[in-house]
Structures are given as C-alpha cells and as structure tokens.
C-alpha atoms as a PDB file:
ATOM      1  CA  MET A   1     -35.134   4.992 -18.040  1.00  0.00           C
ATOM      2  CA  ARG A   2     -35.302   7.657 -15.397  1.00  0.00           C
ATOM      3  CA  ARG A   3     -38.760   8.331 -13.978  1.00  0.00           C
ATOM      4  CA  ARG A   4     -40.112  11.631 -12.713  1.00  0.00           C
ATOM      5  CA  ARG A   5     -43.195  11.942 -10.577  1.00  0.00           C
ATOM      6  CA  THR A   6     -45.340  14.943 -11.424  1.00  0.00           C
ATOM      7  CA  THR A   7     -48.803  16.397 -10.931  1.00  0.00           C
ATOM      8  CA  LEU A   8     -50.777  17.370 -14.025  1.00  0.00           C
ATOM      9  CA  ASP A   9     -53.979  19.357 -14.468  1.00  0.00           C
ATOM     10  CA  LEU A  10     -55.574  17.534 -17.418  1.00  0.00           C
ATOM     11  CA  ASP A  11     -58.877  17.847 -19.240  1.00  0.00           C
ATOM     12  CA  ALA A  12     -60.848  14.939 -17.733  1.00  0.00           C
ATOM     13  CA  GLU A  13     -62.901  14.325 -20.888  1.00  0.00           C
ATOM     14  CA  LEU A  14     -59.804  14.312 -23.075  1.00  0.00           C
ATOM     15  CA  LEU A  15     -58.050  11.842 -20.797  1.00  0.00           C
ATOM     16  CA  ALA A  16     -61.150   9.623 -20.609  1.00  0.00           C
ATOM     17  CA  GLU A  17     -61.392   9.539 -24.419  1.00  0.00           C
ATOM     18  CA  ALA A  18     -57.713   8.638 -24.745  1.00  0.00           C
ATOM     19  CA  GLU A  19     -58.139   5.871 -22.180  1.00  0.00           C
ATOM     20  CA  ARG A  20     -61.190   4.503 -24.052  1.00  0.00           C
ATOM     21  CA  ASN A  21     -59.207   4.473 -27.289  1.00  0.00           C
ATOM     22  CA  ARG A  22     -56.281   2.671 -25.627  1.00  0.00           C
ATOM     23  CA  LYS A  23     -58.012  -0.024 -23.612  1.00  0.00           C
ATOM     24  CA  GLY A  24     -55.771  -1.820 -21.171  1.00  0.00           C
ATOM     25  CA  MET A  25     -53.170   0.948 -20.974  1.00  0.00           C
ATOM     26  CA  THR A  26     -52.446   2.691 -17.717  1.00  0.00           C
ATOM     27  CA  ARG A  27     -52.812   6.450 -17.511  1.00  0.00           C
ATOM     28  CA  THR A  28     -49.055   6.761 -17.365  1.00  0.00           C
ATOM     29  CA  ALA A  29     -48.649   4.655 -20.522  1.00  0.00           C
ATOM     30  CA  THR A  30     -51.370   6.662 -22.287  1.00  0.00           C
ATOM     31  CA  ILE A  31     -49.678   9.978 -21.475  1.00  0.00           C
ATOM     32  CA  GLU A  32     -46.223   8.618 -22.410  1.00  0.00           C
ATOM     33  CA  GLU A  33     -47.572   7.442 -25.778  1.00  0.00           C
ATOM     34  CA  ALA A  34     -49.111  10.871 -26.361  1.00  0.00           C
ATOM     35  CA  LEU A  35     -45.773  12.550 -25.587  1.00  0.00           C
ATOM     36  CA  ARG A  36     -43.945  10.219 -27.993  1.00  0.00           C
ATOM     37  CA  ALA A  37     -46.511  10.988 -30.717  1.00  0.00           C
ATOM     38  CA  LEU A  38     -46.077  14.726 -30.125  1.00  0.00           C
ATOM     39  CA  ILE A  39     -42.292  14.447 -30.355  1.00  0.00           C
ATOM     40  CA  ALA A  40     -42.547  12.375 -33.560  1.00  0.00           C
ATOM     41  CA  ARG A  41     -44.960  14.870 -35.131  1.00  0.00           C
ATOM     42  CA  ASP A  42     -42.697  17.798 -34.288  1.00  0.00           C
ATOM     43  CA  ALA A  43     -39.697  15.968 -35.782  1.00  0.00           C
ATOM     44  CA  ALA A  44     -41.685  15.268 -38.974  1.00  0.00           C
ATOM     45  CA  GLU A  45     -42.690  18.933 -39.215  1.00  0.00           C
ATOM     46  CA  ARG A  46     -39.060  20.024 -38.846  1.00  0.00           C
ATOM     47  CA  LEU A  47     -38.017  17.578 -41.562  1.00  0.00           C
ATOM     48  CA  ALA A  48     -40.801  18.764 -43.872  1.00  0.00           C
ATOM     49  CA  ALA A  49     -39.763  22.382 -43.256  1.00  0.00           C
ATOM     50  CA  LEU A  50     -36.394  21.602 -44.821  1.00  0.00           C
ATOM     51  CA  GLY A  51     -38.376  21.120 -48.031  1.00  0.00           C
ATOM     52  CA  GLY A  52     -35.642  19.433 -49.997  1.00  0.00           C
ATOM     53  CA  SER A  53     -33.276  22.330 -49.475  1.00  0.00           C
ATOM     54  CA  ALA A  54     -30.388  20.577 -51.270  1.00  0.00           C
ATOM     55  CA  ARG A  55     -31.964  20.776 -54.730  1.00  0.00           C
ATOM     56  CA  ASP A  56     -28.741  19.860 -56.548  1.00  0.00           C
ATOM     57  CA  ALA A  57     -28.242  16.679 -54.481  1.00  0.00           C
ATOM     58  CA  ARG A  58     -27.991  13.413 -56.383  1.00  0.00           C
ATOM     59  CA  ALA A  59     -29.097  10.002 -55.198  1.00  0.00           C
ATOM     60  CA  PRO A  60     -26.227   7.962 -53.735  1.00  0.00           C
ATOM     61  CA  ARG A  61     -24.726   5.104 -55.724  1.00  0.00           C
ATOM     62  CA  ARG A  62     -26.163   1.749 -54.811  1.00  0.00           C
ATOM     63  CA  ARG A  63     -24.229  -1.443 -54.423  1.00  0.00           C
ATOM     64  CA  ARG A  64     -25.268  -4.253 -56.689  1.00  0.00           C
ATOM     65  CA  VAL A  65     -26.210  -7.447 -54.921  1.00  0.00           C
ATOM     66  CA  ASP A  66     -24.380 -10.489 -56.237  1.00  0.00           C
ATOM     67  CA  GLU A  67     -27.172 -12.958 -56.991  1.00  0.00           C
ATOM     68  CA  ALA A  68     -24.748 -15.918 -57.063  1.00  0.00           C
ATOM     69  CA  ARG A  69     -24.355 -15.858 -53.274  1.00  0.00           C
END
C-alpha cells in the first residue's frame, strides 16, 4: 500500500466524536475507515441506481450438489 502524507482541515468535534466511537484506533485509521465507508456507500448507491435494469433477465442455472460425496 502506498502512503501519502497530507494536511487536512477537519471539524475538531466531528473528529473527536469519531475517535470516541472507535476507541483504540489512531486518527489515521479512523480517517481511512471513514474513506472506505464512503467508497462502499457510493458503490451501493450506484448499484441501487441500476434498479434491476435487465428486467427480462433470468436466474442462472444452479449445479446440483451430489450428496453421495
């Protein structure tokens, strides 16, 4: 993983609340977790926006599991 050093101007109360909620995490880890959550939320929103656009799609065939094995 490549690291980048940066300076941020953050809301002190917001950061303090996040740090209280994530006891034992460093500030860097707290901010990285927040960025991952933001990325995941955006991906979920993009997926939801597709809204099942392939309405005529059928479920794929499933392989049967041989119970004798």
